[in-house]
Amino acid sequence: MKRLLLAALFVFAIGALTKLSAQESTNATASTTDYKTAIGIRLSNNAPIISNAITIKHFLNDKTAIEGLISFGHDITSFGALAEIHKPFTTPGLRWFYGAGGYLGFGKEYDVNKDRDVNTTFFGAQGVVGLDYKFANIPINISLDWKPELNLVTDINFEPAAIGFSARFTFGK
């Protein structure tokens, strides 16, 4: 019941952010991206399936980006993909974003019934809300995000403790 409540709260939060972005004022700064593609690392706590990862973000247009994540660790190799909507702040180079996607992971998990590690597949949905900053004079981008995960295979499990920090090298415009 607790997991269902957390999942419902997550869906409500994403909906509220979408409504907020629709009401954003028209006098905000121009929403041009400061880079086209960025590649780097994402550091996160160990709770989510996609924790520490290699990250690549690519803007499809001024506001829409896709992000790919490859994570190795804790006997799990996982791949994630996110679609993100970026919104500007009045501070140059600073944007906030939200989005959703999914992940697939393969690894080992301890099975108490068999008293040993067994091969496991992880599959689930993930959301993301965060801040993205591109430094003006150097090709570096940093971001701080909250990326909760809803594992759907092998067990249904909601993981809200998924805070991450990314640092990326940027190129293109």
N, C-alpha and C. Protein backbone atom coordinates (compact mmCIF):
# COMPACT_ATOMS: atom_id res chain seq x y z
N MET A 1 0.82 -1.18 0.00
CA MET A 1 0.00 0.00 0.00
C MET A 1 0.87 1.26 0.00
N LYS A 2 1.96 1.18 0.79
CA LYS A 2 2.86 2.33 0.88
C LYS A 2 3.49 2.63 -0.48
N ARG A 3 3.88 1.57 -1.22
CA ARG A 3 4.49 1.75 -2.55
C ARG A 3 3.49 2.33 -3.53
N LEU A 4 2.23 1.89 -3.45
CA LEU A 4 1.20 2.41 -4.34
C LEU A 4 0.97 3.90 -4.07
N LEU A 5 0.97 4.28 -2.79
CA LEU A 5 0.81 5.69 -2.42
C LEU A 5 1.97 6.52 -2.95
N LEU A 6 3.20 6.02 -2.82
CA LEU A 6 4.36 6.74 -3.33
C LEU A 6 4.31 6.87 -4.85
N ALA A 7 3.89 5.82 -5.54
CA ALA A 7 3.77 5.89 -7.00
C ALA A 7 2.71 6.90 -7.42
N ALA A 8 1.58 6.94 -6.71
CA ALA A 8 0.52 7.91 -7.01
C ALA A 8 1.01 9.33 -6.75
N LEU A 9 1.76 9.52 -5.67
CA LEU A 9 2.32 10.83 -5.36
C LEU A 9 3.29 11.28 -6.44
N PHE A 10 4.08 10.37 -6.97
CA PHE A 10 5.02 10.68 -8.04
C PHE A 10 4.27 11.12 -9.30
N VAL A 11 3.23 10.39 -9.68
CA VAL A 11 2.44 10.75 -10.86
C VAL A 11 1.80 12.12 -10.66
N PHE A 12 1.29 12.39 -9.46
CA PHE A 12 0.69 13.70 -9.17
C PHE A 12 1.73 14.81 -9.30
N ALA A 13 2.95 14.59 -8.79
CA ALA A 13 4.00 15.61 -8.86
C ALA A 13 4.37 15.93 -10.30
N ILE A 14 4.49 14.92 -11.15
CA ILE A 14 4.80 15.15 -12.56
C ILE A 14 3.67 15.94 -13.22
N GLY A 15 2.43 15.59 -12.91
CA GLY A 15 1.28 16.31 -13.46
C GLY A 15 1.26 17.76 -13.02
N ALA A 16 1.57 18.01 -11.75
CA ALA A 16 1.59 19.38 -11.24
C ALA A 16 2.69 20.19 -11.91
N LEU A 17 3.86 19.59 -12.11
CA LEU A 17 4.95 20.30 -12.79
C LEU A 17 4.58 20.63 -14.23
N THR A 18 3.89 19.73 -14.89
CA THR A 18 3.45 19.98 -16.26
C THR A 18 2.48 21.15 -16.30
N LYS A 19 1.57 21.20 -15.35
CA LYS A 19 0.60 22.30 -15.27
C LYS A 19 1.34 23.62 -14.99
N LEU A 20 2.30 23.57 -14.07
CA LEU A 20 3.09 24.77 -13.76
C LEU A 20 3.82 25.29 -14.98
N SER A 21 4.41 24.39 -15.75
CA SER A 21 5.17 24.83 -16.93
C SER A 21 4.25 25.45 -17.97
N ALA A 22 3.00 25.01 -18.03
CA ALA A 22 2.06 25.59 -18.99
C ALA A 22 1.69 27.01 -18.61
N GLN A 23 1.79 27.34 -17.31
CA GLN A 23 1.41 28.66 -16.85
C GLN A 23 2.61 29.59 -16.69
N GLU A 24 3.78 29.18 -17.14
CA GLU A 24 4.98 29.97 -16.95
C GLU A 24 4.85 31.30 -17.71
N SER A 25 5.44 32.36 -17.16
CA SER A 25 5.26 33.69 -17.73
C SER A 25 5.92 33.83 -19.09
N THR A 26 5.39 34.71 -19.90
CA THR A 26 5.91 34.88 -21.26
C THR A 26 7.12 35.80 -21.30
N ASN A 27 7.46 36.44 -20.20
CA ASN A 27 8.62 37.35 -20.21
C ASN A 27 9.90 36.66 -19.75
N ALA A 28 9.93 35.33 -19.73
CA ALA A 28 11.15 34.61 -19.38
C ALA A 28 12.18 34.80 -20.49
N THR A 29 13.43 34.53 -20.16
CA THR A 29 14.48 34.71 -21.16
C THR A 29 14.30 33.74 -22.31
N ALA A 30 14.94 34.02 -23.41
CA ALA A 30 14.83 33.16 -24.60
C ALA A 30 15.27 31.75 -24.25
N SER A 31 14.63 30.78 -24.83
CA SER A 31 14.89 29.39 -24.45
C SER A 31 15.81 28.70 -25.44
N THR A 32 16.93 29.29 -25.74
CA THR A 32 17.87 28.64 -26.62
C THR A 32 18.80 27.76 -25.80
N THR A 33 19.12 26.60 -26.31
CA THR A 33 20.05 25.73 -25.61
C THR A 33 21.46 26.22 -25.87
N ASP A 34 22.32 26.02 -24.88
CA ASP A 34 23.71 26.46 -24.99
C ASP A 34 24.61 25.35 -25.55
N TYR A 35 24.05 24.19 -25.78
CA TYR A 35 24.81 23.08 -26.35
C TYR A 35 23.84 22.13 -27.06
N LYS A 36 24.38 21.30 -27.93
CA LYS A 36 23.56 20.33 -28.67
C LYS A 36 23.66 18.94 -28.04
N THR A 37 24.89 18.53 -27.70
CA THR A 37 25.13 17.20 -27.16
C THR A 37 26.12 17.30 -26.01
N ALA A 38 25.97 16.44 -25.02
CA ALA A 38 26.89 16.42 -23.89
C ALA A 38 27.09 14.97 -23.44
N ILE A 39 28.32 14.66 -23.05
CA ILE A 39 28.63 13.32 -22.56
C ILE A 39 29.46 13.44 -21.29
N GLY A 40 29.18 12.57 -20.31
CA GLY A 40 29.91 12.64 -19.06
C GLY A 40 29.51 11.54 -18.10
N ILE A 41 29.57 11.86 -16.80
CA ILE A 41 29.24 10.87 -15.77
C ILE A 41 28.12 11.39 -14.88
N ARG A 42 27.37 10.45 -14.33
CA ARG A 42 26.31 10.74 -13.37
C ARG A 42 26.63 9.97 -12.11
N LEU A 43 26.72 10.69 -11.00
CA LEU A 43 26.97 10.08 -9.70
C LEU A 43 25.68 10.10 -8.91
N SER A 44 25.36 8.98 -8.28
CA SER A 44 24.10 8.85 -7.57
C SER A 44 24.28 7.98 -6.35
N ASN A 45 23.29 8.02 -5.47
CA ASN A 45 23.31 7.08 -4.36
C ASN A 45 23.11 5.67 -4.91
N ASN A 46 23.30 4.67 -4.09
CA ASN A 46 23.30 3.29 -4.56
C ASN A 46 21.92 2.64 -4.60
N ALA A 47 20.87 3.35 -4.22
CA ALA A 47 19.54 2.76 -4.15
C ALA A 47 18.94 2.40 -5.50
N PRO A 48 18.99 3.27 -6.51
CA PRO A 48 18.30 2.94 -7.76
C PRO A 48 19.07 1.93 -8.61
N ILE A 49 18.36 1.31 -9.57
CA ILE A 49 18.99 0.39 -10.52
C ILE A 49 19.99 1.16 -11.38
N ILE A 50 19.59 2.34 -11.89
CA ILE A 50 20.50 3.21 -12.65
C ILE A 50 21.12 4.16 -11.63
N SER A 51 22.30 3.83 -11.11
CA SER A 51 22.93 4.70 -10.12
C SER A 51 24.09 5.44 -10.78
N ASN A 52 25.32 5.11 -10.46
CA ASN A 52 26.45 5.74 -11.12
C ASN A 52 26.47 5.30 -12.58
N ALA A 53 26.58 6.27 -13.50
CA ALA A 53 26.39 5.93 -14.91
C ALA A 53 27.18 6.84 -15.83
N ILE A 54 27.37 6.36 -17.05
CA ILE A 54 27.83 7.20 -18.15
C ILE A 54 26.56 7.80 -18.75
N THR A 55 26.57 9.10 -18.99
CA THR A 55 25.38 9.79 -19.48
C THR A 55 25.69 10.53 -20.78
N ILE A 56 24.75 10.47 -21.70
CA ILE A 56 24.84 11.27 -22.92
C ILE A 56 23.48 11.92 -23.13
N LYS A 57 23.49 13.24 -23.32
CA LYS A 57 22.26 14.00 -23.53
C LYS A 57 22.35 14.69 -24.88
N HIS A 58 21.27 14.61 -25.65
CA HIS A 58 21.24 15.22 -26.98
C HIS A 58 19.92 15.97 -27.15
N PHE A 59 20.01 17.24 -27.56
CA PHE A 59 18.82 18.04 -27.79
C PHE A 59 18.30 17.81 -29.20
N LEU A 60 17.02 17.46 -29.28
CA LEU A 60 16.35 17.28 -30.57
C LEU A 60 15.90 18.62 -31.13
N ASN A 61 15.56 19.54 -30.22
CA ASN A 61 15.20 20.92 -30.58
C ASN A 61 15.50 21.79 -29.36
N ASP A 62 15.01 23.01 -29.35
CA ASP A 62 15.31 23.96 -28.28
C ASP A 62 14.90 23.49 -26.89
N LYS A 63 13.83 22.72 -26.80
CA LYS A 63 13.28 22.36 -25.50
C LYS A 63 13.30 20.87 -25.19
N THR A 64 13.46 20.03 -26.19
CA THR A 64 13.34 18.59 -25.99
C THR A 64 14.70 17.91 -26.12
N ALA A 65 15.02 17.10 -25.12
CA ALA A 65 16.28 16.34 -25.14
C ALA A 65 16.00 14.88 -24.85
N ILE A 66 16.90 14.03 -25.32
CA ILE A 66 16.88 12.63 -24.94
C ILE A 66 18.18 12.35 -24.20
N GLU A 67 18.10 11.50 -23.19
CA GLU A 67 19.29 11.18 -22.40
C GLU A 67 19.41 9.67 -22.29
N GLY A 68 20.60 9.17 -22.55
CA GLY A 68 20.89 7.76 -22.40
C GLY A 68 21.83 7.55 -21.23
N LEU A 69 21.61 6.48 -20.48
CA LEU A 69 22.41 6.17 -19.30
C LEU A 69 22.88 4.71 -19.36
N ILE A 70 24.15 4.49 -19.07
CA ILE A 70 24.69 3.14 -18.97
C ILE A 70 25.34 3.03 -17.59
N SER A 71 24.86 2.09 -16.79
CA SER A 71 25.30 1.97 -15.41
C SER A 71 25.90 0.59 -15.16
N PHE A 72 27.04 0.58 -14.46
CA PHE A 72 27.71 -0.66 -14.07
C PHE A 72 27.94 -0.59 -12.57
N GLY A 73 27.60 -1.63 -11.86
CA GLY A 73 27.87 -1.65 -10.44
C GLY A 73 26.90 -2.51 -9.67
N HIS A 74 27.31 -2.91 -8.47
CA HIS A 74 26.48 -3.74 -7.59
C HIS A 74 25.99 -4.99 -8.30
N ASP A 75 26.84 -5.60 -9.09
CA ASP A 75 26.49 -6.81 -9.86
C ASP A 75 25.33 -6.58 -10.83
N ILE A 76 25.11 -5.33 -11.24
CA ILE A 76 24.03 -5.01 -12.18
C ILE A 76 24.60 -4.16 -13.30
N THR A 77 24.27 -4.50 -14.53
CA THR A 77 24.54 -3.66 -15.70
C THR A 77 23.19 -3.22 -16.21
N SER A 78 23.00 -1.90 -16.37
CA SER A 78 21.68 -1.41 -16.77
C SER A 78 21.80 -0.30 -17.80
N PHE A 79 20.73 -0.17 -18.57
CA PHE A 79 20.63 0.83 -19.63
C PHE A 79 19.33 1.59 -19.43
N GLY A 80 19.40 2.91 -19.51
CA GLY A 80 18.21 3.73 -19.34
C GLY A 80 18.10 4.77 -20.43
N ALA A 81 16.88 5.20 -20.69
CA ALA A 81 16.62 6.25 -21.67
C ALA A 81 15.53 7.16 -21.12
N LEU A 82 15.73 8.47 -21.29
CA LEU A 82 14.79 9.48 -20.81
C LEU A 82 14.47 10.46 -21.92
N ALA A 83 13.23 10.91 -21.98
CA ALA A 83 12.83 12.04 -22.81
C ALA A 83 12.60 13.20 -21.85
N GLU A 84 13.22 14.35 -22.12
CA GLU A 84 13.18 15.47 -21.18
C GLU A 84 12.69 16.74 -21.86
N ILE A 85 11.92 17.53 -21.12
CA ILE A 85 11.49 18.85 -21.54
C ILE A 85 12.25 19.86 -20.70
N HIS A 86 12.96 20.78 -21.34
CA HIS A 86 13.75 21.80 -20.64
C HIS A 86 13.05 23.15 -20.71
N LYS A 87 13.03 23.84 -19.57
CA LYS A 87 12.40 25.16 -19.45
C LYS A 87 13.43 26.15 -18.90
N PRO A 88 13.46 27.38 -19.42
CA PRO A 88 14.48 28.34 -18.99
C PRO A 88 14.14 29.03 -17.67
N PHE A 89 15.17 29.49 -16.99
CA PHE A 89 15.07 30.44 -15.88
C PHE A 89 15.56 31.77 -16.41
N THR A 90 15.48 32.81 -15.61
CA THR A 90 16.00 34.12 -16.04
C THR A 90 17.52 34.17 -15.96
N THR A 91 18.15 33.25 -15.24
CA THR A 91 19.60 33.18 -15.15
C THR A 91 20.15 32.52 -16.41
N PRO A 92 21.06 33.19 -17.13
CA PRO A 92 21.63 32.60 -18.35
C PRO A 92 22.31 31.26 -18.06
N GLY A 93 22.06 30.29 -18.91
CA GLY A 93 22.68 28.97 -18.78
C GLY A 93 21.95 28.01 -17.86
N LEU A 94 20.99 28.50 -17.07
CA LEU A 94 20.28 27.65 -16.11
C LEU A 94 18.89 27.31 -16.62
N ARG A 95 18.57 26.03 -16.58
CA ARG A 95 17.25 25.55 -17.00
C ARG A 95 16.78 24.50 -16.01
N TRP A 96 15.49 24.31 -15.92
CA TRP A 96 14.96 23.18 -15.17
C TRP A 96 14.33 22.23 -16.18
N PHE A 97 14.23 20.98 -15.80
CA PHE A 97 13.69 20.00 -16.74
C PHE A 97 12.91 18.92 -16.02
N TYR A 98 12.06 18.26 -16.78
CA TYR A 98 11.31 17.12 -16.29
C TYR A 98 11.16 16.13 -17.43
N GLY A 99 10.91 14.89 -17.09
CA GLY A 99 10.74 13.91 -18.15
C GLY A 99 10.47 12.52 -17.60
N ALA A 100 10.46 11.57 -18.50
CA ALA A 100 10.19 10.18 -18.13
C ALA A 100 10.87 9.25 -19.12
N GLY A 101 10.99 8.01 -18.73
CA GLY A 101 11.61 7.01 -19.59
C GLY A 101 11.55 5.64 -18.97
N GLY A 102 12.49 4.81 -19.34
CA GLY A 102 12.52 3.45 -18.82
C GLY A 102 13.93 2.93 -18.72
N TYR A 103 14.06 1.74 -18.13
CA TYR A 103 15.38 1.13 -18.00
C TYR A 103 15.26 -0.38 -18.08
N LEU A 104 16.39 -1.01 -18.39
CA LEU A 104 16.51 -2.45 -18.45
C LEU A 104 17.85 -2.80 -17.83
N GLY A 105 17.85 -3.75 -16.90
CA GLY A 105 19.08 -4.13 -16.23
C GLY A 105 19.22 -5.63 -16.09
N PHE A 106 20.46 -6.08 -16.01
CA PHE A 106 20.76 -7.49 -15.84
C PHE A 106 21.77 -7.61 -14.71
N GLY A 107 21.57 -8.58 -13.84
CA GLY A 107 22.51 -8.72 -12.75
C GLY A 107 22.24 -9.92 -11.88
N LYS A 108 22.80 -9.87 -10.69
CA LYS A 108 22.63 -10.94 -9.71
C LYS A 108 21.95 -10.37 -8.48
N GLU A 109 21.12 -11.20 -7.89
CA GLU A 109 20.39 -10.81 -6.69
C GLU A 109 20.36 -12.02 -5.76
N TYR A 110 20.47 -11.75 -4.47
CA TYR A 110 20.47 -12.85 -3.50
C TYR A 110 19.05 -13.39 -3.34
N ASP A 111 18.89 -14.70 -3.50
CA ASP A 111 17.61 -15.38 -3.32
C ASP A 111 17.66 -16.12 -1.99
N VAL A 112 16.85 -15.67 -1.02
CA VAL A 112 16.88 -16.29 0.31
C VAL A 112 16.37 -17.73 0.27
N ASN A 113 15.45 -18.04 -0.64
CA ASN A 113 14.93 -19.41 -0.73
C ASN A 113 15.98 -20.39 -1.24
N LYS A 114 16.83 -19.93 -2.14
CA LYS A 114 17.87 -20.80 -2.71
C LYS A 114 19.21 -20.63 -1.99
N ASP A 115 19.30 -19.61 -1.11
CA ASP A 115 20.50 -19.31 -0.35
C ASP A 115 21.72 -19.10 -1.25
N ARG A 116 21.48 -18.37 -2.37
CA ARG A 116 22.58 -18.05 -3.29
C ARG A 116 22.15 -16.92 -4.22
N ASP A 117 23.12 -16.39 -4.94
CA ASP A 117 22.83 -15.36 -5.95
C ASP A 117 22.22 -16.01 -7.18
N VAL A 118 21.24 -15.34 -7.77
CA VAL A 118 20.61 -15.82 -9.00
C VAL A 118 20.62 -14.69 -10.02
N ASN A 119 20.65 -15.05 -11.31
CA ASN A 119 20.59 -14.05 -12.37
C ASN A 119 19.19 -13.44 -12.40
N THR A 120 19.15 -12.12 -12.54
CA THR A 120 17.89 -11.39 -12.50
C THR A 120 17.85 -10.36 -13.60
N THR A 121 16.66 -10.10 -14.12
CA THR A 121 16.42 -9.03 -15.08
C THR A 121 15.58 -7.97 -14.40
N PHE A 122 15.96 -6.71 -14.58
CA PHE A 122 15.21 -5.58 -14.04
C PHE A 122 14.65 -4.78 -15.20
N PHE A 123 13.41 -4.37 -15.08
CA PHE A 123 12.77 -3.55 -16.11
C PHE A 123 11.82 -2.61 -15.40
N GLY A 124 11.83 -1.33 -15.78
CA GLY A 124 10.94 -0.41 -15.11
C GLY A 124 10.86 0.95 -15.76
N ALA A 125 10.09 1.80 -15.11
CA ALA A 125 9.89 3.18 -15.56
C ALA A 125 10.64 4.12 -14.63
N GLN A 126 11.04 5.25 -15.17
CA GLN A 126 11.70 6.26 -14.36
C GLN A 126 11.21 7.64 -14.77
N GLY A 127 11.14 8.52 -13.81
CA GLY A 127 10.82 9.91 -14.07
C GLY A 127 12.03 10.74 -13.69
N VAL A 128 12.03 12.01 -14.05
CA VAL A 128 13.15 12.86 -13.69
C VAL A 128 12.68 14.31 -13.59
N VAL A 129 13.20 15.01 -12.58
CA VAL A 129 13.00 16.45 -12.41
C VAL A 129 14.35 16.99 -11.95
N GLY A 130 14.83 18.08 -12.56
CA GLY A 130 16.13 18.58 -12.16
C GLY A 130 16.49 19.94 -12.69
N LEU A 131 17.71 20.35 -12.37
CA LEU A 131 18.29 21.62 -12.82
C LEU A 131 19.48 21.31 -13.71
N ASP A 132 19.66 22.10 -14.77
CA ASP A 132 20.71 21.89 -15.75
C ASP A 132 21.41 23.23 -15.97
N TYR A 133 22.74 23.26 -15.81
CA TYR A 133 23.49 24.51 -15.98
C TYR A 133 24.65 24.31 -16.94
N LYS A 134 24.78 25.21 -17.89
CA LYS A 134 25.90 25.21 -18.85
C LYS A 134 26.76 26.43 -18.58
N PHE A 135 28.03 26.22 -18.25
CA PHE A 135 28.95 27.32 -18.01
C PHE A 135 29.15 28.11 -19.30
N ALA A 136 29.28 29.43 -19.17
CA ALA A 136 29.32 30.31 -20.35
C ALA A 136 30.59 30.16 -21.18
N ASN A 137 31.75 30.09 -20.56
CA ASN A 137 33.00 30.15 -21.32
C ASN A 137 33.77 28.84 -21.42
N ILE A 138 33.22 27.79 -20.86
CA ILE A 138 33.89 26.48 -20.95
C ILE A 138 32.86 25.43 -21.37
N PRO A 139 33.28 24.38 -22.05
CA PRO A 139 32.32 23.38 -22.55
C PRO A 139 31.92 22.34 -21.49
N ILE A 140 31.44 22.84 -20.36
CA ILE A 140 31.04 21.96 -19.26
C ILE A 140 29.59 22.25 -18.88
N ASN A 141 28.86 21.19 -18.64
CA ASN A 141 27.47 21.25 -18.20
C ASN A 141 27.36 20.42 -16.92
N ILE A 142 26.61 20.92 -15.94
CA ILE A 142 26.34 20.15 -14.73
C ILE A 142 24.83 20.10 -14.51
N SER A 143 24.39 19.05 -13.87
CA SER A 143 22.97 18.96 -13.53
C SER A 143 22.79 18.21 -12.22
N LEU A 144 21.72 18.57 -11.54
CA LEU A 144 21.31 17.93 -10.30
C LEU A 144 19.88 17.48 -10.52
N ASP A 145 19.59 16.20 -10.24
CA ASP A 145 18.24 15.72 -10.53
C ASP A 145 17.75 14.72 -9.50
N TRP A 146 16.44 14.55 -9.51
CA TRP A 146 15.76 13.50 -8.75
C TRP A 146 15.15 12.58 -9.79
N LYS A 147 15.53 11.29 -9.76
CA LYS A 147 15.12 10.35 -10.79
C LYS A 147 14.56 9.08 -10.13
N PRO A 148 13.33 9.15 -9.61
CA PRO A 148 12.74 7.96 -8.98
C PRO A 148 12.47 6.86 -10.01
N GLU A 149 12.50 5.64 -9.53
CA GLU A 149 12.31 4.48 -10.40
C GLU A 149 11.17 3.60 -9.90
N LEU A 150 10.42 3.05 -10.83
CA LEU A 150 9.37 2.08 -10.52
C LEU A 150 9.75 0.78 -11.22
N ASN A 151 10.29 -0.17 -10.43
CA ASN A 151 10.69 -1.45 -10.99
C ASN A 151 9.44 -2.30 -11.22
N LEU A 152 9.31 -2.86 -12.41
CA LEU A 152 8.13 -3.65 -12.77
C LEU A 152 8.44 -5.15 -12.88
N VAL A 153 9.71 -5.51 -13.10
CA VAL A 153 10.13 -6.90 -13.21
C VAL A 153 11.40 -7.01 -12.39
N THR A 154 11.60 -7.85 -11.63
CA THR A 154 11.09 -9.07 -11.10
C THR A 154 10.04 -8.80 -10.02
N ASP A 155 10.27 -7.81 -9.20
CA ASP A 155 9.31 -7.40 -8.18
C ASP A 155 8.85 -5.99 -8.50
N ILE A 156 7.62 -5.67 -8.11
CA ILE A 156 7.16 -4.28 -8.23
C ILE A 156 7.71 -3.54 -7.03
N ASN A 157 8.51 -2.52 -7.30
CA ASN A 157 9.20 -1.80 -6.24
C ASN A 157 9.39 -0.36 -6.66
N PHE A 158 8.99 0.59 -5.82
CA PHE A 158 9.20 2.01 -6.09
C PHE A 158 10.41 2.48 -5.32
N GLU A 159 11.35 3.13 -6.00
CA GLU A 159 12.57 3.63 -5.38
C GLU A 159 12.62 5.14 -5.48
N PRO A 160 12.18 5.85 -4.41
CA PRO A 160 12.18 7.32 -4.47
C PRO A 160 13.54 7.95 -4.18
N ALA A 161 14.44 7.22 -3.51
CA ALA A 161 15.73 7.79 -3.10
C ALA A 161 16.73 7.72 -4.24
N ALA A 162 16.59 8.61 -5.21
CA ALA A 162 17.44 8.55 -6.40
C ALA A 162 17.87 9.95 -6.82
N ILE A 163 18.73 10.55 -6.03
CA ILE A 163 19.27 11.88 -6.31
C ILE A 163 20.59 11.70 -7.06
N GLY A 164 20.81 12.49 -8.11
CA GLY A 164 22.04 12.35 -8.88
C GLY A 164 22.64 13.68 -9.28
N PHE A 165 23.94 13.67 -9.50
CA PHE A 165 24.69 14.83 -9.98
C PHE A 165 25.45 14.40 -11.22
N SER A 166 25.32 15.17 -12.30
CA SER A 166 26.01 14.85 -13.56
C SER A 166 26.96 15.98 -13.95
N ALA A 167 28.09 15.61 -14.52
CA ALA A 167 29.03 16.56 -15.10
C ALA A 167 29.34 16.04 -16.50
N ARG A 168 29.18 16.93 -17.50
CA ARG A 168 29.32 16.51 -18.89
C ARG A 168 30.17 17.50 -19.68
N PHE A 169 30.87 16.97 -20.68
CA PHE A 169 31.57 17.77 -21.68
C PHE A 169 30.56 18.05 -22.79
N THR A 170 30.45 19.32 -23.20
CA THR A 170 29.45 19.70 -24.21
C THR A 170 30.11 20.01 -25.55
N PHE A 171 29.35 19.78 -26.61
CA PHE A 171 29.79 20.17 -27.95
C PHE A 171 28.58 20.39 -28.84
N GLY A 172 28.81 21.12 -29.93
CA GLY A 172 27.72 21.43 -30.86
C GLY A 172 26.82 22.53 -30.34
N LYS A 173 26.11 23.15 -31.25
CA LYS A 173 25.14 24.16 -30.85
C LYS A 173 24.04 24.28 -31.84
